[in-house]
PDB file of N, CA and C in Angstrom:
ATOM      1  N   GLN A   1      65.029  43.957 169.060  1.00  0.00           N
ATOM      2  CA  GLN A   1      63.654  43.811 168.579  1.00  0.00           C
ATOM      3  C   GLN A   1      63.611  44.087 167.087  1.00  0.00           C
ATOM      4  N   VAL A   2      62.815  43.298 166.392  1.00  0.00           N
ATOM      5  CA  VAL A   2      62.685  43.434 164.948  1.00  0.00           C
ATOM      6  C   VAL A   2      61.230  43.719 164.620  1.00  0.00           C
ATOM      7  N   GLN A   3      61.015  44.654 163.734  1.00  0.00           N
ATOM      8  CA  GLN A   3      59.667  44.942 163.248  1.00  0.00           C
ATOM      9  C   GLN A   3      59.613  44.667 161.756  1.00  0.00           C
ATOM     10  N   LEU A   4      58.551  44.042 161.350  1.00  0.00           N
ATOM     11  CA  LEU A   4      58.302  43.771 159.937  1.00  0.00           C
ATOM     12  C   LEU A   4      56.953  44.380 159.582  1.00  0.00           C
ATOM     13  N   VAL A   5      56.925  45.177 158.542  1.00  0.00           N
ATOM     14  CA  VAL A   5      55.694  45.843 158.132  1.00  0.00           C
ATOM     15  C   VAL A   5      55.419  45.518 156.677  1.00  0.00           C
ATOM     16  N   GLU A   6      54.310  44.815 156.454  1.00  0.00           N
ATOM     17  CA  GLU A   6      53.892  44.508 155.094  1.00  0.00           C
ATOM     18  C   GLU A   6      52.979  45.606 154.571  1.00  0.00           C
ATOM     19  N   SER A   7      53.020  45.805 153.265  1.00  0.00           N
ATOM     20  CA  SER A   7      52.130  46.759 152.620  1.00  0.00           C
ATOM     21  C   SER A   7      51.924  46.336 151.177  1.00  0.00           C
ATOM     22  N   GLY A   8      50.953  46.974 150.529  1.00  0.00           N
ATOM     23  CA  GLY A   8      50.720  46.729 149.119  1.00  0.00           C
ATOM     24  C   GLY A   8      49.520  45.866 148.805  1.00  0.00           C
ATOM     25  N   GLY A   9      48.870  45.337 149.836  1.00  0.00           N
ATOM     26  CA  GLY A   9      47.688  44.529 149.593  1.00  0.00           C
ATOM     27  C   GLY A   9      46.513  45.377 149.125  1.00  0.00           C
ATOM     28  N   GLY A  10      45.450  44.686 148.744  1.00  0.00           N
ATOM     29  CA  GLY A  10      44.251  45.397 148.298  1.00  0.00           C
ATOM     30  C   GLY A  10      43.326  44.484 147.546  1.00  0.00           C
ATOM     31  N   LEU A  11      42.365  45.113 146.890  1.00  0.00           N
ATOM     32  CA  LEU A  11      41.387  44.399 146.075  1.00  0.00           C
ATOM     33  C   LEU A  11      41.793  44.498 144.613  1.00  0.00           C
ATOM     34  N   VAL A  12      41.833  43.370 143.934  1.00  0.00           N
ATOM     35  CA  VAL A  12      42.228  43.345 142.527  1.00  0.00           C
ATOM     36  C   VAL A  12      41.361  42.325 141.797  1.00  0.00           C
ATOM     37  N   GLN A  13      41.127  42.574 140.530  1.00  0.00           N
ATOM     38  CA  GLN A  13      40.339  41.653 139.725  1.00  0.00           C
ATOM     39  C   GLN A  13      41.182  40.443 139.316  1.00  0.00           C
ATOM     40  N   PRO A  14      40.527  39.330 139.053  1.00  0.00           N
ATOM     41  CA  PRO A  14      41.280  38.160 138.554  1.00  0.00           C
ATOM     42  C   PRO A  14      42.082  38.535 137.319  1.00  0.00           C
ATOM     43  N   GLY A  15      43.323  38.038 137.280  1.00  0.00           N
ATOM     44  CA  GLY A  15      44.225  38.379 136.196  1.00  0.00           C
ATOM     45  C   GLY A  15      45.075  39.600 136.460  1.00  0.00           C
ATOM     46  N   GLY A  16      44.767  40.312 137.527  1.00  0.00           N
ATOM     47  CA  GLY A  16      45.497  41.527 137.849  1.00  0.00           C
ATOM     48  C   GLY A  16      46.786  41.253 138.595  1.00  0.00           C
ATOM     49  N   SER A  17      47.440  42.343 138.993  1.00  0.00           N
ATOM     50  CA  SER A  17      48.738  42.247 139.659  1.00  0.00           C
ATOM     51  C   SER A  17      48.771  43.124 140.909  1.00  0.00           C
ATOM     52  N   LEU A  18      49.586  42.725 141.840  1.00  0.00           N
ATOM     53  CA  LEU A  18      49.896  43.515 143.020  1.00  0.00           C
ATOM     54  C   LEU A  18      51.358  43.279 143.378  1.00  0.00           C
ATOM     55  N   ARG A  19      51.953  44.268 144.028  1.00  0.00           N
ATOM     56  CA  ARG A  19      53.287  44.087 144.566  1.00  0.00           C
ATOM     57  C   ARG A  19      53.258  44.351 146.066  1.00  0.00           C
ATOM     58  N   LEU A  20      53.600  43.346 146.815  1.00  0.00           N
ATOM     59  CA  LEU A  20      53.672  43.473 148.260  1.00  0.00           C
ATOM     60  C   LEU A  20      55.100  43.828 148.676  1.00  0.00           C
ATOM     61  N   SER A  21      55.188  44.574 149.753  1.00  0.00           N
ATOM     62  CA  SER A  21      56.482  44.933 150.324  1.00  0.00           C
ATOM     63  C   SER A  21      56.527  44.510 151.781  1.00  0.00           C
ATOM     64  N   CYS A  22      57.691  44.134 152.217  1.00  0.00           N
ATOM     65  CA  CYS A  22      57.923  43.814 153.628  1.00  0.00           C
ATOM     66  C   CYS A  22      59.157  44.600 154.054  1.00  0.00           C
ATOM     67  N   ALA A  23      58.944  45.606 154.880  1.00  0.00           N
ATOM     68  CA  ALA A  23      60.025  46.468 155.333  1.00  0.00           C
ATOM     69  C   ALA A  23      60.429  46.077 156.747  1.00  0.00           C
ATOM     70  N   ALA A  24      61.712  45.846 156.923  1.00  0.00           N
ATOM     71  CA  ALA A  24      62.233  45.426 158.229  1.00  0.00           C
ATOM     72  C   ALA A  24      62.947  46.579 158.911  1.00  0.00           C
ATOM     73  N   SER A  25      62.879  46.583 160.220  1.00  0.00           N
ATOM     74  CA  SER A  25      63.615  47.570 160.998  1.00  0.00           C
ATOM     75  C   SER A  25      64.028  46.941 162.323  1.00  0.00           C
ATOM     76  N   GLY A  26      65.033  47.524 162.928  1.00  0.00           N
ATOM     77  CA  GLY A  26      65.534  46.999 164.201  1.00  0.00           C
ATOM     78  C   GLY A  26      66.983  47.380 164.353  1.00  0.00           C
ATOM     79  N   THR A  27      67.390  47.602 165.551  1.00  0.00           N
ATOM     80  CA  THR A  27      68.739  48.096 165.769  1.00  0.00           C
ATOM     81  C   THR A  27      69.795  47.000 165.664  1.00  0.00           C
ATOM     82  N   ILE A  28      69.405  45.768 165.952  1.00  0.00           N
ATOM     83  CA  ILE A  28      70.360  44.677 165.855  1.00  0.00           C
ATOM     84  C   ILE A  28      69.781  43.642 164.901  1.00  0.00           C
ATOM     85  N   PHE A  29      70.041  43.843 163.644  1.00  0.00           N
ATOM     86  CA  PHE A  29      69.363  43.007 162.670  1.00  0.00           C
ATOM     87  C   PHE A  29      70.167  43.001 161.390  1.00  0.00           C
ATOM     88  N   LEU A  30      70.878  41.911 161.133  1.00  0.00           N
ATOM     89  CA  LEU A  30      71.651  41.786 159.898  1.00  0.00           C
ATOM     90  C   LEU A  30      70.737  41.222 158.821  1.00  0.00           C
ATOM     91  N   PHE A  31      69.921  42.065 158.285  1.00  0.00           N
ATOM     92  CA  PHE A  31      68.884  41.643 157.358  1.00  0.00           C
ATOM     93  C   PHE A  31      69.440  40.816 156.221  1.00  0.00           C
ATOM     94  N   SER A  32      70.577  41.228 155.695  1.00  0.00           N
ATOM     95  CA  SER A  32      71.107  40.577 154.500  1.00  0.00           C
ATOM     96  C   SER A  32      71.540  39.135 154.748  1.00  0.00           C
ATOM     97  N   THR A  33      71.696  38.744 155.983  1.00  0.00           N
ATOM     98  CA  THR A  33      72.167  37.388 156.292  1.00  0.00           C
ATOM     99  C   THR A  33      71.034  36.392 156.501  1.00  0.00           C
ATOM    100  N   TYR A  34      69.803  36.885 156.463  1.00  0.00           N
ATOM    101  CA  TYR A  34      68.659  36.023 156.747  1.00  0.00           C
ATOM    102  C   TYR A  34      67.876  35.665 155.494  1.00  0.00           C
ATOM    103  N   ASN A  35      67.349  34.455 155.505  1.00  0.00           N
ATOM    104  CA  ASN A  35      66.332  34.106 154.519  1.00  0.00           C
ATOM    105  C   ASN A  35      65.044  34.840 154.878  1.00  0.00           C
ATOM    106  N   VAL A  36      64.266  35.155 153.893  1.00  0.00           N
ATOM    107  CA  VAL A  36      62.982  35.817 154.117  1.00  0.00           C
ATOM    108  C   VAL A  36      61.902  35.042 153.376  1.00  0.00           C
ATOM    109  N   ASP A  37      60.811  34.797 154.059  1.00  0.00           N
ATOM    110  CA  ASP A  37      59.703  34.040 153.494  1.00  0.00           C
ATOM    111  C   ASP A  37      58.451  34.893 153.435  1.00  0.00           C
ATOM    112  N   TRP A  38      57.642  34.634 152.418  1.00  0.00           N
ATOM    113  CA  TRP A  38      56.271  35.132 152.378  1.00  0.00           C
ATOM    114  C   TRP A  38      55.350  33.941 152.622  1.00  0.00           C
ATOM    115  N   TYR A  39      54.415  34.137 153.532  1.00  0.00           N
ATOM    116  CA  TYR A  39      53.379  33.148 153.806  1.00  0.00           C
ATOM    117  C   TYR A  39      52.022  33.785 153.509  1.00  0.00           C
ATOM    118  N   ARG A  40      51.029  32.944 153.425  1.00  0.00           N
ATOM    119  CA  ARG A  40      49.666  33.450 153.327  1.00  0.00           C
ATOM    120  C   ARG A  40      48.719  32.529 154.085  1.00  0.00           C
ATOM    121  N   GLN A  41      47.630  33.122 154.511  1.00  0.00           N
ATOM    122  CA  GLN A  41      46.612  32.353 155.218  1.00  0.00           C
ATOM    123  C   GLN A  41      45.237  32.794 154.752  1.00  0.00           C
ATOM    124  N   ALA A  42      44.536  31.860 154.140  1.00  0.00           N
ATOM    125  CA  ALA A  42      43.174  32.120 153.688  1.00  0.00           C
ATOM    126  C   ALA A  42      42.205  31.745 154.812  1.00  0.00           C
ATOM    127  N   PRO A  43      41.006  32.296 154.817  1.00  0.00           N
ATOM    128  CA  PRO A  43      40.029  31.979 155.868  1.00  0.00           C
ATOM    129  C   PRO A  43      39.781  30.476 155.975  1.00  0.00           C
ATOM    130  N   GLY A  44      39.885  29.953 157.181  1.00  0.00           N
ATOM    131  CA  GLY A  44      39.617  28.554 157.411  1.00  0.00           C
ATOM    132  C   GLY A  44      40.723  27.604 156.979  1.00  0.00           C
ATOM    133  N   LYS A  45      41.852  28.164 156.544  1.00  0.00           N
ATOM    134  CA  LYS A  45      42.951  27.319 156.082  1.00  0.00           C
ATOM    135  C   LYS A  45      44.208  27.583 156.900  1.00  0.00           C
ATOM    136  N   GLN A  46      45.131  26.637 156.838  1.00  0.00           N
ATOM    137  CA  GLN A  46      46.398  26.810 157.523  1.00  0.00           C
ATOM    138  C   GLN A  46      47.293  27.793 156.779  1.00  0.00           C
ATOM    139  N   ARG A  47      48.174  28.416 157.529  1.00  0.00           N
ATOM    140  CA  ARG A  47      49.142  29.302 156.908  1.00  0.00           C
ATOM    141  C   ARG A  47      50.092  28.458 156.055  1.00  0.00           C
ATOM    142  N   GLU A  48      50.381  28.935 154.858  1.00  0.00           N
ATOM    143  CA  GLU A  48      51.249  28.197 153.941  1.00  0.00           C
ATOM    144  C   GLU A  48      52.341  29.111 153.403  1.00  0.00           C
ATOM    145  N   MET A  49      53.505  28.525 153.166  1.00  0.00           N
ATOM    146  CA  MET A  49      54.587  29.312 152.605  1.00  0.00           C
ATOM    147  C   MET A  49      54.364  29.475 151.108  1.00  0.00           C
ATOM    148  N   VAL A  50      54.572  30.692 150.649  1.00  0.00           N
ATOM    149  CA  VAL A  50      54.347  31.030 149.253  1.00  0.00           C
ATOM    150  C   VAL A  50      55.664  31.136 148.497  1.00  0.00           C
ATOM    151  N   ALA A  51      56.624  31.816 149.113  1.00  0.00           N
ATOM    152  CA  ALA A  51      57.891  32.042 148.429  1.00  0.00           C
ATOM    153  C   ALA A  51      58.963  32.329 149.466  1.00  0.00           C
ATOM    154  N   THR A  52      60.202  32.031 149.086  1.00  0.00           N
ATOM    155  CA  THR A  52      61.314  32.315 149.966  1.00  0.00           C
ATOM    156  C   THR A  52      62.495  32.829 149.144  1.00  0.00           C
ATOM    157  N   VAL A  53      63.264  33.719 149.758  1.00  0.00           N
ATOM    158  CA  VAL A  53      64.508  34.183 149.150  1.00  0.00           C
ATOM    159  C   VAL A  53      65.598  34.047 150.198  1.00  0.00           C
ATOM    160  N   THR A  54      66.680  33.388 149.823  1.00  0.00           N
ATOM    161  CA  THR A  54      67.766  33.172 150.775  1.00  0.00           C
ATOM    162  C   THR A  54      68.664  34.403 150.853  1.00  0.00           C
ATOM    163  N   SER A  55      69.610  34.345 151.774  1.00  0.00           N
ATOM    164  CA  SER A  55      70.556  35.451 151.924  1.00  0.00           C
ATOM    165  C   SER A  55      71.399  35.628 150.658  1.00  0.00           C
ATOM    166  N   ARG A  56      71.537  34.570 149.895  1.00  0.00           N
ATOM    167  CA  ARG A  56      72.312  34.644 148.653  1.00  0.00           C
ATOM    168  C   ARG A  56      71.456  35.014 147.449  1.00  0.00           C
ATOM    169  N   GLY A  57      70.150  35.131 147.678  1.00  0.00           N
ATOM    170  CA  GLY A  57      69.274  35.510 146.583  1.00  0.00           C
ATOM    171  C   GLY A  57      68.613  34.353 145.864  1.00  0.00           C
ATOM    172  N   THR A  58      68.843  33.141 146.330  1.00  0.00           N
ATOM    173  CA  THR A  58      68.172  31.994 145.741  1.00  0.00           C
ATOM    174  C   THR A  58      66.691  32.025 146.110  1.00  0.00           C
ATOM    175  N   THR A  59      65.849  31.714 145.159  1.00  0.00           N
ATOM    176  CA  THR A  59      64.412  31.783 145.394  1.00  0.00           C
ATOM    177  C   THR A  59      63.760  30.410 145.238  1.00  0.00           C
ATOM    178  N   ASN A  60      62.628  30.262 145.897  1.00  0.00           N
ATOM    179  CA  ASN A  60      61.838  29.048 145.752  1.00  0.00           C
ATOM    180  C   ASN A  60      60.377  29.424 145.957  1.00  0.00           C
ATOM    181  N   TYR A  61      59.498  28.662 145.316  1.00  0.00           N
ATOM    182  CA  TYR A  61      58.082  29.008 145.315  1.00  0.00           C
ATOM    183  C   TYR A  61      57.212  27.777 145.552  1.00  0.00           C
ATOM    184  N   ALA A  62      56.056  28.019 146.115  1.00  0.00           N
ATOM    185  CA  ALA A  62      55.046  26.979 146.181  1.00  0.00           C
ATOM    186  C   ALA A  62      54.571  26.683 144.759  1.00  0.00           C
ATOM    187  N   ASP A  63      54.187  25.441 144.532  1.00  0.00           N
ATOM    188  CA  ASP A  63      53.740  25.057 143.191  1.00  0.00           C
ATOM    189  C   ASP A  63      52.570  25.910 142.718  1.00  0.00           C
ATOM    190  N   SER A  64      51.740  26.311 143.647  1.00  0.00           N
ATOM    191  CA  SER A  64      50.525  27.040 143.291  1.00  0.00           C
ATOM    192  C   SER A  64      50.800  28.436 142.749  1.00  0.00           C
ATOM    193  N   VAL A  65      51.989  28.975 142.995  1.00  0.00           N
ATOM    194  CA  VAL A  65      52.281  30.342 142.560  1.00  0.00           C
ATOM    195  C   VAL A  65      53.472  30.423 141.620  1.00  0.00           C
ATOM    196  N   ARG A  66      54.169  29.311 141.436  1.00  0.00           N
ATOM    197  CA  ARG A  66      55.368  29.324 140.593  1.00  0.00           C
ATOM    198  C   ARG A  66      54.992  29.766 139.174  1.00  0.00           C
ATOM    199  N   GLY A  67      55.791  30.695 138.664  1.00  0.00           N
ATOM    200  CA  GLY A  67      55.525  31.233 137.335  1.00  0.00           C
ATOM    201  C   GLY A  67      54.648  32.473 137.336  1.00  0.00           C
ATOM    202  N   ARG A  68      53.996  32.740 138.467  1.00  0.00           N
ATOM    203  CA  ARG A  68      53.128  33.931 138.566  1.00  0.00           C
ATOM    204  C   ARG A  68      53.669  34.935 139.574  1.00  0.00           C
ATOM    205  N   PHE A  69      54.304  34.448 140.619  1.00  0.00           N
ATOM    206  CA  PHE A  69      54.833  35.304 141.684  1.00  0.00           C
ATOM    207  C   PHE A  69      56.352  35.366 141.582  1.00  0.00           C
ATOM    208  N   THR A  70      56.902  36.516 141.972  1.00  0.00           N
ATOM    209  CA  THR A  70      58.348  36.692 142.017  1.00  0.00           C
ATOM    210  C   THR A  70      58.731  37.371 143.320  1.00  0.00           C
ATOM    211  N   ILE A  71      59.630  36.738 144.055  1.00  0.00           N
ATOM    212  CA  ILE A  71      60.135  37.319 145.292  1.00  0.00           C
ATOM    213  C   ILE A  71      61.504  37.924 145.017  1.00  0.00           C
ATOM    214  N   SER A  72      61.751  39.075 145.630  1.00  0.00           N
ATOM    215  CA  SER A  72      63.046  39.725 145.468  1.00  0.00           C
ATOM    216  C   SER A  72      63.358  40.502 146.745  1.00  0.00           C
ATOM    217  N   ARG A  73      64.606  40.905 146.879  1.00  0.00           N
ATOM    218  CA  ARG A  73      64.994  41.628 148.082  1.00  0.00           C
ATOM    219  C   ARG A  73      65.935  42.768 147.725  1.00  0.00           C
ATOM    220  N   ASP A  74      65.849  43.806 148.532  1.00  0.00           N
ATOM    221  CA  ASP A  74      66.750  44.950 148.432  1.00  0.00           C
ATOM    222  C   ASP A  74      67.345  45.124 149.825  1.00  0.00           C
ATOM    223  N   ASN A  75      68.529  44.585 150.021  1.00  0.00           N
ATOM    224  CA  ASN A  75      69.121  44.612 151.363  1.00  0.00           C
ATOM    225  C   ASN A  75      69.438  46.035 151.821  1.00  0.00           C
ATOM    226  N   ALA A  76      69.759  46.902 150.904  1.00  0.00           N
ATOM    227  CA  ALA A  76      70.060  48.290 151.284  1.00  0.00           C
ATOM    228  C   ALA A  76      68.833  48.966 151.878  1.00  0.00           C
ATOM    229  N   LYS A  77      67.657  48.582 151.405  1.00  0.00           N
ATOM    230  CA  LYS A  77      66.404  49.153 151.912  1.00  0.00           C
ATOM    231  C   LYS A  77      65.749  48.264 152.972  1.00  0.00           C
ATOM    232  N   LEU A  78      66.383  47.154 153.319  1.00  0.00           N
ATOM    233  CA  LEU A  78      65.821  46.217 154.303  1.00  0.00           C
ATOM    234  C   LEU A  78      64.410  45.813 153.907  1.00  0.00           C
ATOM    235  N   THR A  79      64.220  45.541 152.645  1.00  0.00           N
ATOM    236  CA  THR A  79      62.880  45.282 152.129  1.00  0.00           C
ATOM    237  C   THR A  79      62.876  44.069 151.211  1.00  0.00           C
ATOM    238  N   VAL A  80      61.815  43.294 151.332  1.00  0.00           N
ATOM    239  CA  VAL A  80      61.571  42.173 150.436  1.00  0.00           C
ATOM    240  C   VAL A  80      60.249  42.416 149.737  1.00  0.00           C
ATOM    241  N   TYR A  81      60.196  42.050 148.469  1.00  0.00           N
ATOM    242  CA  TYR A  81      59.018  42.282 147.651  1.00  0.00           C
ATOM    243  C   TYR A  81      58.427  40.952 147.187  1.00  0.00           C
ATOM    244  N   LEU A  82      57.142  40.993 146.915  1.00  0.00           N
ATOM    245  CA  LEU A  82      56.478  39.857 146.286  1.00  0.00           C
ATOM    246  C   LEU A  82      55.629  40.417 145.154  1.00  0.00           C
ATOM    247  N   GLN A  83      56.102  40.238 143.942  1.00  0.00           N
ATOM    248  CA  GLN A  83      55.347  40.650 142.764  1.00  0.00           C
ATOM    249  C   GLN A  83      54.394  39.520 142.405  1.00  0.00           C
ATOM    250  N   MET A  84      53.111  39.839 142.365  1.00  0.00           N
ATOM    251  CA  MET A  84      52.093  38.826 142.113  1.00  0.00           C
ATOM    252  C   MET A  84      51.353  39.180 140.835  1.00  0.00           C
ATOM    253  N   ASN A  85      51.470  38.331 139.849  1.00  0.00           N
ATOM    254  CA  ASN A  85      50.812  38.530 138.568  1.00  0.00           C
ATOM    255  C   ASN A  85      49.784  37.436 138.317  1.00  0.00           C
ATOM    256  N   SER A  86      48.915  37.670 137.360  1.00  0.00           N
ATOM    257  CA  SER A  86      47.891  36.686 136.981  1.00  0.00           C
ATOM    258  C   SER A  86      47.165  36.153 138.211  1.00  0.00           C
ATOM    259  N   LEU A  87      46.735  37.077 139.038  1.00  0.00           N
ATOM    260  CA  LEU A  87      46.111  36.684 140.295  1.00  0.00           C
ATOM    261  C   LEU A  87      44.799  35.954 140.079  1.00  0.00           C
ATOM    262  N   LYS A  88      44.560  35.008 140.979  1.00  0.00           N
ATOM    263  CA  LYS A  88      43.358  34.187 140.926  1.00  0.00           C
ATOM    264  C   LYS A  88      42.570  34.361 142.230  1.00  0.00           C
ATOM    265  N   ALA A  89      41.318  33.988 142.202  1.00  0.00           N
ATOM    266  CA  ALA A  89      40.496  34.091 143.398  1.00  0.00           C
ATOM    267  C   ALA A  89      41.106  33.303 144.559  1.00  0.00           C
ATOM    268  N   GLU A  90      41.712  32.191 144.244  1.00  0.00           N
ATOM    269  CA  GLU A  90      42.312  31.359 145.299  1.00  0.00           C
ATOM    270  C   GLU A  90      43.583  31.949 145.908  1.00  0.00           C
ATOM    271  N   ASP A  91      44.052  33.061 145.370  1.00  0.00           N
ATOM    272  CA  ASP A  91      45.179  33.772 145.986  1.00  0.00           C
ATOM    273  C   ASP A  91      44.711  34.691 147.113  1.00  0.00           C
ATOM    274  N   THR A  92      43.417  34.818 147.278  1.00  0.00           N
ATOM    275  CA  THR A  92      42.879  35.662 148.341  1.00  0.00           C
ATOM    276  C   THR A  92      43.313  35.134 149.707  1.00  0.00           C
ATOM    277  N   ALA A  93      43.947  36.004 150.478  1.00  0.00           N
ATOM    278  CA  ALA A  93      44.481  35.601 151.776  1.00  0.00           C
ATOM    279  C   ALA A  93      45.113  36.818 152.440  1.00  0.00           C
ATOM    280  N   VAL A  94      45.471  36.632 153.704  1.00  0.00           N
ATOM    281  CA  VAL A  94      46.353  37.596 154.360  1.00  0.00           C
ATOM    282  C   VAL A  94      47.778  37.115 154.127  1.00  0.00           C
ATOM    283  N   TYR A  95      48.615  38.018 153.654  1.00  0.00           N
ATOM    284  CA  TYR A  95      49.992  37.684 153.329  1.00  0.00           C
ATOM    285  C   TYR A  95      50.919  38.237 154.419  1.00  0.00           C
ATOM    286  N   TYR A  96      51.830  37.388 154.858  1.00  0.00           N
ATOM    287  CA  TYR A  96      52.750  37.723 155.932  1.00  0.00           C
ATOM    288  C   TYR A  96      54.191  37.500 155.483  1.00  0.00           C
ATOM    289  N   CYS A  97      55.083  38.333 155.982  1.00  0.00           N
ATOM    290  CA  CYS A  97      56.495  38.010 155.804  1.00  0.00           C
ATOM    291  C   CYS A  97      57.049  37.505 157.124  1.00  0.00           C
ATOM    292  N   TYR A  98      58.115  36.712 156.985  1.00  0.00           N
ATOM    293  CA  TYR A  98      58.686  36.014 158.137  1.00  0.00           C
ATOM    294  C   TYR A  98      60.197  36.048 158.012  1.00  0.00           C
ATOM    295  N   VAL A  99      60.847  36.510 159.069  1.00  0.00           N
ATOM    296  CA  VAL A  99      62.298  36.576 159.108  1.00  0.00           C
ATOM    297  C   VAL A  99      62.760  36.184 160.505  1.00  0.00           C
ATOM    298  N   SER A 100      63.506  35.115 160.578  1.00  0.00           N
ATOM    299  CA  SER A 100      64.197  34.754 161.811  1.00  0.00           C
ATOM    300  C   SER A 100      63.285  34.772 163.044  1.00  0.00           C
ATOM    301  N   SER A 101      62.168  34.099 162.955  1.00  0.00           N
ATOM    302  CA  SER A 101      61.180  33.932 164.016  1.00  0.00           C
ATOM    303  C   SER A 101      60.284  35.154 164.223  1.00  0.00           C
ATOM    304  N   TYR A 102      60.436  36.175 163.423  1.00  0.00           N
ATOM    305  CA  TYR A 102      59.582  37.350 163.508  1.00  0.00           C
ATOM    306  C   TYR A 102      58.557  37.356 162.375  1.00  0.00           C
ATOM    307  N   TRP A 103      57.338  37.758 162.720  1.00  0.00           N
ATOM    308  CA  TRP A 103      56.254  37.867 161.749  1.00  0.00           C
ATOM    309  C   TRP A 103      55.810  39.323 161.643  1.00  0.00           C
ATOM    310  N   GLY A 104      55.394  39.687 160.436  1.00  0.00           N
ATOM    311  CA  GLY A 104      54.731  40.968 160.289  1.00  0.00           C
ATOM    312  C   GLY A 104      53.262  40.839 160.655  1.00  0.00           C
ATOM    313  N   GLN A 105      52.528  41.939 160.538  1.00  0.00           N
ATOM    314  CA  GLN A 105      51.114  41.938 160.917  1.00  0.00           C
ATOM    315  C   GLN A 105      50.216  41.461 159.788  1.00  0.00           C
ATOM    316  N   GLY A 106      50.759  41.382 158.593  1.00  0.00           N
ATOM    317  CA  GLY A 106      50.003  40.877 157.461  1.00  0.00           C
ATOM    318  C   GLY A 106      49.359  41.981 156.643  1.00  0.00           C
ATOM    319  N   THR A 107      49.116  41.668 155.383  1.00  0.00           N
ATOM    320  CA  THR A 107      48.398  42.575 154.486  1.00  0.00           C
ATOM    321  C   THR A 107      47.386  41.753 153.692  1.00  0.00           C
ATOM    322  N   GLN A 108      46.173  42.266 153.607  1.00  0.00           N
ATOM    323  CA  GLN A 108      45.082  41.519 152.970  1.00  0.00           C
ATOM    324  C   GLN A 108      45.150  41.660 151.453  1.00  0.00           C
ATOM    325  N   VAL A 109      45.059  40.540 150.784  1.00  0.00           N
ATOM    326  CA  VAL A 109      44.940  40.510 149.327  1.00  0.00           C
ATOM    327  C   VAL A 109      43.613  39.841 148.985  1.00  0.00           C
ATOM    328  N   THR A 110      42.787  40.541 148.241  1.00  0.00           N
ATOM    329  CA  THR A 110      41.496  40.004 147.827  1.00  0.00           C
ATOM    330  C   THR A 110      41.413  40.054 146.312  1.00  0.00           C
ATOM    331  N   VAL A 111      41.196  38.900 145.712  1.00  0.00           N
ATOM    332  CA  VAL A 111      41.071  38.803 144.254  1.00  0.00           C
ATOM    333  C   VAL A 111      39.621  38.463 143.944  1.00  0.00           C
ATOM    334  N   SER A 112      38.937  39.424 143.354  1.00  0.00           N
ATOM    335  CA  SER A 112      37.510  39.243 143.107  1.00  0.00           C
ATOM    336  C   SER A 112      37.058  40.189 142.007  1.00  0.00           C
ATOM    337  N   SER A 113      36.073  39.749 141.251  1.00  0.00           N
ATOM    338  CA  SER A 113      35.501  40.609 140.226  1.00  0.00           C
ATOM    339  C   SER A 113      34.283  41.331 140.777  1.00  0.00           C
TER     340      SER A 113
END
């Protein structure tokens, strides 16, 4: 069994920053061998992938966040981060991490003045 716990969400003004964390745990889980994705889902919209980091550390981003968001991983801590800068109102959503068919419970990010 694998557990993923996201944290770091909150309310921030437009132009602000947040750093999300996704901490993984489980007794049989080679975290470093898996790609890890961050998704988000805004009210009334489909869940969309925001960023991904491969087992080798290669990253990719949705066009809407490229240049503002940075995904990184610390395999020793079984944790993946999403640094979000220059936040916009349209970034408001619940953010989820996804690893090997497992989802976290999500963390709410609200960008509003």
